[in-house]
Amino acid sequence: MVVFNCLITLISVLLLISLPFNVSTAEIICSDSVVFKNQEFFVGAQTRGRFFPEGGRIVRFYLNNRLIGRTLSGGDGYAYLEQRFKRAGLYRIKARSDDDTCYCSVMVLGVKDRLVLVQLEGVVFNIPFLGELKDGSREVLKELKGHYRIVYVTLLPAIHKLKQWLREKGLPESVVVNFDPQEFKTLKTKGVSITALVDSSDVLGSFLSDVDRCFSFKESEGCETVEDWREIKGRIQKGYAP
C-alpha cells in the first residue's frame, strides 16, 4: 500500500505538470456529481487565488445558459448551490466568478439504470505515462456509452486536470469523481445496477463487493482478468445484452 500511495503521488505530480499551467491570478474549479433523480444535492465550485483557495467571491451557476442561482464562496473557497433534477440524464452546469468559468457534470440516475465504473489509473491511461491511452479504450467506451452510464472514478486529486485530459483525448463525456464506495452502494439500494467495475488493481474492488462483475488487466482477487478493452466489451455484452 505504501508503494501504491507513492505511485499515486507521482502520478498526481505528472498530471499537474503535463497540462498547461494557468498563469492567471485566479481560477474556479468545479466538482462533478452522481445522484439519483429527485434527490437534493449540492453543486460545488471552489474559487482560488493563484496558489490557494480564495473565499468571499460571488459564484453564479447556469444551466442551459439560464441563471439558476448565486452564492458566496466560504473561507475554504467552496460555493454550493442546492439542486434537484426530476429527469435522469447527464447535465452540464456552468459556474462563473468574475471572469473565471468552469463546468461541472451531474449524472442523474433513474431506476434500472446500469452503471459501468471505470477507474482511470492504469485502465484508460498507462501508468505512469499519462499521455498514452490504453489500446481500444476510447472506441470501446464510446460503444458502451450507448447502453450504459459510464462513470469515471479515480483516486487522484486534480480532477479538473483529468477532465481536461479526457476531453483532449476524445474520451466519451461523463462525470469524473473520487471513488466513494458508500455513495454507489446507496445508489444500488435505489435500483441502480452496477453492471461492471473496470479496475486496475484490487484497490477499488476490495471496497465494492456488490458490483455485478469486476474486470482487471492483471490478476486481482474478485475480478476477471482480461487482455484488453475489446475483451471487456465482449464479456459485458455477452452477459448483459441490452
C-alpha atoms as a PDB file:
ATOM      1  CA  MET A   1       0.000   0.000   0.000  1.00  0.00           C
ATOM      2  CA  VAL A   2       2.918   2.359   0.719  1.00  0.00           C
ATOM      3  CA  VAL A   3       4.258   1.753  -2.787  1.00  0.00           C
ATOM      4  CA  PHE A   4       0.789   2.337  -4.227  1.00  0.00           C
ATOM      5  CA  ASN A   5       0.410   5.642  -2.341  1.00  0.00           C
ATOM      6  CA  CYS A   6       3.813   6.786  -3.582  1.00  0.00           C
ATOM      7  CA  LEU A   7       2.792   5.915  -7.113  1.00  0.00           C
ATOM      8  CA  ILE A   8      -0.429   7.903  -6.748  1.00  0.00           C
ATOM      9  CA  THR A   9       1.601  10.907  -5.564  1.00  0.00           C
ATOM     10  CA  LEU A  10       3.951  10.576  -8.523  1.00  0.00           C
ATOM     11  CA  ILE A  11       1.028  10.353 -10.960  1.00  0.00           C
ATOM     12  CA  SER A  12      -0.529  13.449  -9.386  1.00  0.00           C
ATOM     13  CA  VAL A  13       2.659  15.446  -9.950  1.00  0.00           C
ATOM     14  CA  LEU A  14       2.914  14.197 -13.536  1.00  0.00           C
ATOM     15  CA  LEU A  15      -0.712  15.107 -14.094  1.00  0.00           C
ATOM     16  CA  LEU A  16      -0.248  18.636 -12.847  1.00  0.00           C
ATOM     17  CA  ILE A  17       2.825  19.309 -14.972  1.00  0.00           C
ATOM     18  CA  SER A  18       1.668  17.517 -18.122  1.00  0.00           C
ATOM     19  CA  LEU A  19      -1.108  20.020 -18.860  1.00  0.00           C
ATOM     20  CA  PRO A  20      -0.777  23.767 -19.463  1.00  0.00           C
ATOM     21  CA  PHE A  21      -0.272  25.749 -16.264  1.00  0.00           C
ATOM     22  CA  ASN A  22      -2.753  28.519 -15.566  1.00  0.00           C
ATOM     23  CA  VAL A  23      -0.696  31.660 -15.085  1.00  0.00           C
ATOM     24  CA  SER A  24      -3.696  33.807 -14.172  1.00  0.00           C
ATOM     25  CA  THR A  25      -4.044  35.099 -10.639  1.00  0.00           C
ATOM     26  CA  ALA A  26      -7.358  33.347 -10.025  1.00  0.00           C
ATOM     27  CA  GLU A  27      -9.489  30.457 -11.201  1.00  0.00           C
ATOM     28  CA  ILE A  28     -12.582  28.465 -10.344  1.00  0.00           C
ATOM     29  CA  ILE A  29     -12.739  24.662 -10.139  1.00  0.00           C
ATOM     30  CA  CYS A  30     -15.978  22.662 -10.455  1.00  0.00           C
ATOM     31  CA  SER A  31     -16.845  19.266  -8.944  1.00  0.00           C
ATOM     32  CA  ASP A  32     -18.836  16.523 -10.697  1.00  0.00           C
ATOM     33  CA  SER A  33     -21.679  14.607  -9.030  1.00  0.00           C
ATOM     34  CA  VAL A  34     -23.568  11.315  -9.366  1.00  0.00           C
ATOM     35  CA  VAL A  35     -27.083  11.481  -7.884  1.00  0.00           C
ATOM     36  CA  PHE A  36     -30.489   9.832  -8.087  1.00  0.00           C
ATOM     37  CA  LYS A  37     -33.362  11.697  -9.708  1.00  0.00           C
ATOM     38  CA  ASN A  38     -35.421  13.852  -7.327  1.00  0.00           C
ATOM     39  CA  GLN A  39     -32.509  13.712  -4.851  1.00  0.00           C
ATOM     40  CA  GLU A  40     -31.466  17.006  -3.325  1.00  0.00           C
ATOM     41  CA  PHE A  41     -27.729  17.623  -3.627  1.00  0.00           C
ATOM     42  CA  PHE A  42     -25.236  20.474  -3.788  1.00  0.00           C
ATOM     43  CA  VAL A  43     -23.457  21.625  -6.931  1.00  0.00           C
ATOM     44  CA  GLY A  44     -19.976  22.672  -5.828  1.00  0.00           C
ATOM     45  CA  ALA A  45     -17.291  25.014  -7.113  1.00  0.00           C
ATOM     46  CA  GLN A  46     -14.111  26.318  -5.480  1.00  0.00           C
ATOM     47  CA  THR A  47     -12.711  29.780  -6.084  1.00  0.00           C
ATOM     48  CA  ARG A  48      -8.937  30.006  -5.898  1.00  0.00           C
ATOM     49  CA  GLY A  49      -6.199  32.568  -5.976  1.00  0.00           C
ATOM     50  CA  ARG A  50      -3.009  31.755  -7.810  1.00  0.00           C
ATOM     51  CA  PHE A  51      -1.928  29.089  -5.323  1.00  0.00           C
ATOM     52  CA  PHE A  52      -4.534  28.819  -2.553  1.00  0.00           C
ATOM     53  CA  PRO A  53      -8.340  28.842  -2.102  1.00  0.00           C
ATOM     54  CA  GLU A  54      -9.856  32.305  -2.037  1.00  0.00           C
ATOM     55  CA  GLY A  55     -13.175  32.893  -0.313  1.00  0.00           C
ATOM     56  CA  GLY A  56     -15.581  35.793  -0.388  1.00  0.00           C
ATOM     57  CA  ARG A  57     -16.268  35.661  -4.128  1.00  0.00           C
ATOM     58  CA  ILE A  58     -19.729  35.554  -5.703  1.00  0.00           C
ATOM     59  CA  VAL A  59     -20.313  32.431  -7.803  1.00  0.00           C
ATOM     60  CA  ARG A  60     -23.132  32.258 -10.335  1.00  0.00           C
ATOM     61  CA  PHE A  61     -24.437  28.921 -11.596  1.00  0.00           C
ATOM     62  CA  TYR A  62     -26.027  28.440 -15.026  1.00  0.00           C
ATOM     63  CA  LEU A  63     -27.919  25.587 -16.678  1.00  0.00           C
ATOM     64  CA  ASN A  64     -28.565  25.878 -20.438  1.00  0.00           C
ATOM     65  CA  ASN A  65     -27.318  29.488 -20.230  1.00  0.00           C
ATOM     66  CA  ARG A  66     -30.004  30.286 -17.647  1.00  0.00           C
ATOM     67  CA  LEU A  67     -29.013  31.590 -14.227  1.00  0.00           C
ATOM     68  CA  ILE A  68     -30.196  29.079 -11.603  1.00  0.00           C
ATOM     69  CA  GLY A  69     -28.640  30.680  -8.537  1.00  0.00           C
ATOM     70  CA  ARG A  70     -25.750  32.529  -6.969  1.00  0.00           C
ATOM     71  CA  THR A  71     -23.869  32.125  -3.733  1.00  0.00           C
ATOM     72  CA  LEU A  72     -20.782  33.384  -1.877  1.00  0.00           C
ATOM     73  CA  SER A  73     -17.730  31.170  -1.527  1.00  0.00           C
ATOM     74  CA  GLY A  74     -16.657  30.459   2.051  1.00  0.00           C
ATOM     75  CA  GLY A  75     -13.269  30.705   3.685  1.00  0.00           C
ATOM     76  CA  ASP A  76     -12.208  27.424   2.060  1.00  0.00           C
ATOM     77  CA  GLY A  77     -13.157  28.804  -1.345  1.00  0.00           C
ATOM     78  CA  TYR A  78     -16.144  26.492  -1.793  1.00  0.00           C
ATOM     79  CA  ALA A  79     -19.520  27.709  -3.008  1.00  0.00           C
ATOM     80  CA  TYR A  80     -22.530  25.378  -3.004  1.00  0.00           C
ATOM     81  CA  LEU A  81     -25.927  25.556  -4.654  1.00  0.00           C
ATOM     82  CA  GLU A  82     -28.694  23.122  -3.748  1.00  0.00           C
ATOM     83  CA  GLN A  83     -30.310  21.439  -6.751  1.00  0.00           C
ATOM     84  CA  ARG A  84     -32.666  18.607  -7.667  1.00  0.00           C
ATOM     85  CA  PHE A  85     -33.336  17.086 -11.086  1.00  0.00           C
ATOM     86  CA  LYS A  86     -36.556  15.262 -11.919  1.00  0.00           C
ATOM     87  CA  ARG A  87     -35.284  13.511 -15.032  1.00  0.00           C
ATOM     88  CA  ALA A  88     -32.363  11.144 -15.488  1.00  0.00           C
ATOM     89  CA  GLY A  89     -29.528  12.214 -17.780  1.00  0.00           C
ATOM     90  CA  LEU A  90     -26.184  13.970 -17.939  1.00  0.00           C
ATOM     91  CA  TYR A  91     -26.383  17.679 -17.127  1.00  0.00           C
ATOM     92  CA  ARG A  92     -23.687  20.308 -17.628  1.00  0.00           C
ATOM     93  CA  ILE A  93     -23.677  23.261 -15.238  1.00  0.00           C
ATOM     94  CA  LYS A  94     -21.520  26.338 -15.678  1.00  0.00           C
ATOM     95  CA  ALA A  95     -20.101  28.171 -12.670  1.00  0.00           C
ATOM     96  CA  ARG A  96     -18.772  31.696 -13.101  1.00  0.00           C
ATOM     97  CA  SER A  97     -16.978  34.066 -10.746  1.00  0.00           C
ATOM     98  CA  ASP A  98     -15.799  37.386 -12.157  1.00  0.00           C
ATOM     99  CA  ASP A  99     -14.024  36.408 -15.395  1.00  0.00           C
ATOM    100  CA  ASP A 100     -13.348  32.804 -14.330  1.00  0.00           C
ATOM    101  CA  THR A 101     -15.517  29.929 -15.566  1.00  0.00           C
ATOM    102  CA  CYS A 102     -15.681  26.173 -15.039  1.00  0.00           C
ATOM    103  CA  TYR A 103     -18.125  23.399 -15.911  1.00  0.00           C
ATOM    104  CA  CYS A 104     -19.366  20.550 -13.750  1.00  0.00           C
ATOM    105  CA  SER A 105     -21.165  17.459 -14.972  1.00  0.00           C
ATOM    106  CA  VAL A 106     -24.045  15.939 -12.999  1.00  0.00           C
ATOM    107  CA  MET A 107     -25.136  12.386 -13.773  1.00  0.00           C
ATOM    108  CA  VAL A 108     -28.733  11.904 -12.667  1.00  0.00           C
ATOM    109  CA  LEU A 109     -29.753   8.258 -12.450  1.00  0.00           C
ATOM    110  CA  GLY A 110     -33.102   6.521 -12.524  1.00  0.00           C
ATOM    111  CA  VAL A 111     -34.412   3.115 -11.515  1.00  0.00           C
ATOM    112  CA  LYS A 112     -32.897   0.288 -13.580  1.00  0.00           C
ATOM    113  CA  ASP A 113     -30.082   2.462 -14.949  1.00  0.00           C
ATOM    114  CA  ARG A 114     -26.932   0.400 -15.462  1.00  0.00           C
ATOM    115  CA  LEU A 115     -23.522   1.775 -14.493  1.00  0.00           C
ATOM    116  CA  VAL A 116     -20.076   0.880 -15.713  1.00  0.00           C
ATOM    117  CA  LEU A 117     -17.479   2.268 -13.294  1.00  0.00           C
ATOM    118  CA  VAL A 118     -14.100   2.866 -14.905  1.00  0.00           C
ATOM    119  CA  GLN A 119     -11.012   3.556 -12.835  1.00  0.00           C
ATOM    120  CA  LEU A 120      -8.816   5.927 -14.834  1.00  0.00           C
ATOM    121  CA  GLU A 121      -5.422   4.952 -13.424  1.00  0.00           C
ATOM    122  CA  GLY A 122      -3.919   2.102 -15.423  1.00  0.00           C
ATOM    123  CA  VAL A 123      -7.239   1.381 -17.134  1.00  0.00           C
ATOM    124  CA  VAL A 124      -7.777   4.279 -19.526  1.00  0.00           C
ATOM    125  CA  PHE A 125      -4.208   5.606 -19.473  1.00  0.00           C
ATOM    126  CA  ASN A 126      -0.984   3.680 -18.960  1.00  0.00           C
ATOM    127  CA  ILE A 127       0.689   4.485 -15.638  1.00  0.00           C
ATOM    128  CA  PRO A 128       2.942   6.399 -15.377  1.00  0.00           C
ATOM    129  CA  PHE A 129       2.654   7.766 -18.915  1.00  0.00           C
ATOM    130  CA  LEU A 130      -0.469   9.875 -18.678  1.00  0.00           C
ATOM    131  CA  GLY A 131      -0.455  10.913 -22.306  1.00  0.00           C
ATOM    132  CA  GLU A 132      -0.780   7.349 -23.618  1.00  0.00           C
ATOM    133  CA  LEU A 133      -4.263   5.847 -23.939  1.00  0.00           C
ATOM    134  CA  LYS A 134      -4.859   2.161 -23.347  1.00  0.00           C
ATOM    135  CA  ASP A 135      -5.373   0.493 -26.706  1.00  0.00           C
ATOM    136  CA  GLY A 136      -9.056   0.378 -27.620  1.00  0.00           C
ATOM    137  CA  SER A 137     -10.274   2.283 -24.541  1.00  0.00           C
ATOM    138  CA  ARG A 138     -11.676   5.261 -26.425  1.00  0.00           C
ATOM    139  CA  GLU A 139     -13.534   3.205 -29.045  1.00  0.00           C
ATOM    140  CA  VAL A 140     -14.971   0.655 -26.608  1.00  0.00           C
ATOM    141  CA  LEU A 141     -16.115   3.294 -24.111  1.00  0.00           C
ATOM    142  CA  LYS A 142     -17.910   5.173 -26.885  1.00  0.00           C
ATOM    143  CA  GLU A 143     -19.763   1.983 -27.830  1.00  0.00           C
ATOM    144  CA  LEU A 144     -20.635   1.093 -24.237  1.00  0.00           C
ATOM    145  CA  LYS A 145     -21.951   4.596 -23.593  1.00  0.00           C
ATOM    146  CA  GLY A 146     -24.836   3.856 -25.917  1.00  0.00           C
ATOM    147  CA  HIS A 147     -26.145   1.213 -23.500  1.00  0.00           C
ATOM    148  CA  TYR A 148     -24.708   2.020 -20.073  1.00  0.00           C
ATOM    149  CA  ARG A 149     -23.988   5.044 -17.873  1.00  0.00           C
ATOM    150  CA  ILE A 150     -20.205   5.451 -17.837  1.00  0.00           C
ATOM    151  CA  VAL A 151     -18.732   6.879 -14.619  1.00  0.00           C
ATOM    152  CA  TYR A 152     -15.016   7.621 -14.393  1.00  0.00           C
ATOM    153  CA  VAL A 153     -13.620   7.094 -10.894  1.00  0.00           C
ATOM    154  CA  THR A 154     -10.174   7.983  -9.624  1.00  0.00           C
ATOM    155  CA  LEU A 155      -8.010   8.001  -6.518  1.00  0.00           C
ATOM    156  CA  LEU A 156      -6.096  11.029  -7.788  1.00  0.00           C
ATOM    157  CA  PRO A 157      -6.565  14.694  -6.866  1.00  0.00           C
ATOM    158  CA  ALA A 158      -6.682  17.437  -9.523  1.00  0.00           C
ATOM    159  CA  ILE A 159      -9.822  16.037 -11.142  1.00  0.00           C
ATOM    160  CA  HIS A 160     -10.228  19.211 -13.224  1.00  0.00           C
ATOM    161  CA  LYS A 161      -6.906  18.392 -14.885  1.00  0.00           C
ATOM    162  CA  LEU A 162      -8.028  14.822 -15.544  1.00  0.00           C
ATOM    163  CA  LYS A 163     -11.234  16.106 -17.165  1.00  0.00           C
ATOM    164  CA  GLN A 164      -9.203  18.382 -19.417  1.00  0.00           C
ATOM    165  CA  TRP A 165      -7.008  15.448 -20.419  1.00  0.00           C
ATOM    166  CA  LEU A 166     -10.052  13.250 -21.183  1.00  0.00           C
ATOM    167  CA  ARG A 167     -11.507  15.937 -23.441  1.00  0.00           C
ATOM    168  CA  GLU A 168      -8.226  16.358 -25.305  1.00  0.00           C
ATOM    169  CA  LYS A 169      -8.046  12.597 -25.900  1.00  0.00           C
ATOM    170  CA  GLY A 170     -11.616  12.370 -27.191  1.00  0.00           C
ATOM    171  CA  LEU A 171     -12.950  10.086 -24.436  1.00  0.00           C
ATOM    172  CA  PRO A 172     -16.755   9.994 -24.026  1.00  0.00           C
ATOM    173  CA  GLU A 173     -18.025  12.858 -21.890  1.00  0.00           C
ATOM    174  CA  SER A 174     -19.144  11.856 -18.416  1.00  0.00           C
ATOM    175  CA  VAL A 175     -18.579  12.594 -14.743  1.00  0.00           C
ATOM    176  CA  VAL A 176     -15.179  12.166 -13.074  1.00  0.00           C
ATOM    177  CA  VAL A 177     -15.437  11.570  -9.328  1.00  0.00           C
ATOM    178  CA  ASN A 178     -13.259  10.391  -6.481  1.00  0.00           C
ATOM    179  CA  PHE A 179     -14.203   6.863  -5.549  1.00  0.00           C
ATOM    180  CA  ASP A 180     -16.697   6.680  -2.672  1.00  0.00           C
ATOM    181  CA  PRO A 181     -17.983   3.103  -2.169  1.00  0.00           C
ATOM    182  CA  GLN A 182     -20.823   4.173   0.134  1.00  0.00           C
ATOM    183  CA  GLU A 183     -22.185   6.556  -2.486  1.00  0.00           C
ATOM    184  CA  PHE A 184     -22.518   3.767  -5.042  1.00  0.00           C
ATOM    185  CA  LYS A 185     -23.928   1.320  -2.502  1.00  0.00           C
ATOM    186  CA  THR A 186     -26.662   3.871  -1.760  1.00  0.00           C
ATOM    187  CA  LEU A 187     -27.479   4.201  -5.456  1.00  0.00           C
ATOM    188  CA  LYS A 188     -27.760   0.433  -5.751  1.00  0.00           C
ATOM    189  CA  THR A 189     -30.334   0.281  -2.940  1.00  0.00           C
ATOM    190  CA  LYS A 190     -32.470   2.633  -5.038  1.00  0.00           C
ATOM    191  CA  GLY A 191     -32.499   0.290  -8.008  1.00  0.00           C
ATOM    192  CA  VAL A 192     -29.384   1.308  -9.940  1.00  0.00           C
ATOM    193  CA  SER A 193     -27.436  -1.681 -11.296  1.00  0.00           C
ATOM    194  CA  ILE A 194     -23.642  -1.540 -11.173  1.00  0.00           C
ATOM    195  CA  THR A 195     -23.091  -3.751 -14.191  1.00  0.00           C
ATOM    196  CA  ALA A 196     -19.314  -3.645 -14.206  1.00  0.00           C
ATOM    197  CA  LEU A 197     -16.267  -2.216 -12.482  1.00  0.00           C
ATOM    198  CA  VAL A 198     -13.127  -1.910 -14.597  1.00  0.00           C
ATOM    199  CA  ASP A 199     -10.308  -1.779 -12.071  1.00  0.00           C
ATOM    200  CA  SER A 200      -6.536  -1.505 -12.473  1.00  0.00           C
ATOM    201  CA  SER A 201      -5.930  -3.474  -9.257  1.00  0.00           C
ATOM    202  CA  ASP A 202      -7.875  -4.792  -6.288  1.00  0.00           C
ATOM    203  CA  VAL A 203      -7.927  -1.314  -4.695  1.00  0.00           C
ATOM    204  CA  LEU A 204     -11.459  -0.434  -5.808  1.00  0.00           C
ATOM    205  CA  GLY A 205     -12.748  -3.989  -5.938  1.00  0.00           C
ATOM    206  CA  SER A 206     -11.847  -4.561  -2.306  1.00  0.00           C
ATOM    207  CA  PHE A 207     -14.156  -1.700  -1.289  1.00  0.00           C
ATOM    208  CA  LEU A 208     -17.064  -2.527  -3.570  1.00  0.00           C
ATOM    209  CA  SER A 209     -18.165  -6.133  -3.170  1.00  0.00           C
ATOM    210  CA  ASP A 210     -21.631  -5.879  -4.698  1.00  0.00           C
ATOM    211  CA  VAL A 211     -20.875  -5.000  -8.336  1.00  0.00           C
ATOM    212  CA  ASP A 212     -22.203  -7.491 -10.862  1.00  0.00           C
ATOM    213  CA  ARG A 213     -18.805  -8.050 -12.449  1.00  0.00           C
ATOM    214  CA  CYS A 214     -15.277  -6.732 -11.991  1.00  0.00           C
ATOM    215  CA  PHE A 215     -12.601  -6.690 -14.704  1.00  0.00           C
ATOM    216  CA  SER A 216      -8.877  -6.088 -14.322  1.00  0.00           C
ATOM    217  CA  PHE A 217      -5.871  -6.127 -16.642  1.00  0.00           C
ATOM    218  CA  LYS A 218      -3.883  -8.068 -14.068  1.00  0.00           C
ATOM    219  CA  GLU A 219      -4.736 -10.870 -11.693  1.00  0.00           C
ATOM    220  CA  SER A 220      -6.826  -9.461  -8.878  1.00  0.00           C
ATOM    221  CA  GLU A 221      -8.968 -11.195  -6.291  1.00  0.00           C
ATOM    222  CA  GLY A 222     -12.634 -10.962  -7.159  1.00  0.00           C
ATOM    223  CA  CYS A 223     -12.034  -9.626 -10.685  1.00  0.00           C
ATOM    224  CA  GLU A 224     -11.977 -11.325 -14.077  1.00  0.00           C
ATOM    225  CA  THR A 225      -8.581 -10.941 -15.738  1.00  0.00           C
ATOM    226  CA  VAL A 226      -8.772  -9.550 -19.284  1.00  0.00           C
ATOM    227  CA  GLU A 227      -6.239  -8.816 -22.005  1.00  0.00           C
ATOM    228  CA  ASP A 228      -7.682  -5.621 -23.459  1.00  0.00           C
ATOM    229  CA  TRP A 229     -10.731  -3.361 -23.750  1.00  0.00           C
ATOM    230  CA  ARG A 230     -12.252  -5.358 -26.585  1.00  0.00           C
ATOM    231  CA  GLU A 231     -12.421  -8.396 -24.336  1.00  0.00           C
ATOM    232  CA  ILE A 232     -14.153  -6.302 -21.671  1.00  0.00           C
ATOM    233  CA  LYS A 233     -16.730  -5.173 -24.215  1.00  0.00           C
ATOM    234  CA  GLY A 234     -17.376  -8.738 -25.348  1.00  0.00           C
ATOM    235  CA  ARG A 235     -17.817 -10.065 -21.822  1.00  0.00           C
ATOM    236  CA  ILE A 236     -20.138  -7.247 -20.743  1.00  0.00           C
ATOM    237  CA  GLN A 237     -22.332  -7.549 -23.815  1.00  0.00           C
ATOM    238  CA  LYS A 238     -22.446 -11.330 -23.630  1.00  0.00           C
ATOM    239  CA  GLY A 239     -23.524 -11.318 -20.000  1.00  0.00           C
ATOM    240  CA  TYR A 240     -25.748  -8.252 -20.144  1.00  0.00           C
ATOM    241  CA  ALA A 241     -27.267  -7.884 -23.586  1.00  0.00           C
ATOM    242  CA  PRO A 242     -29.076  -4.531 -23.905  1.00  0.00           C
END
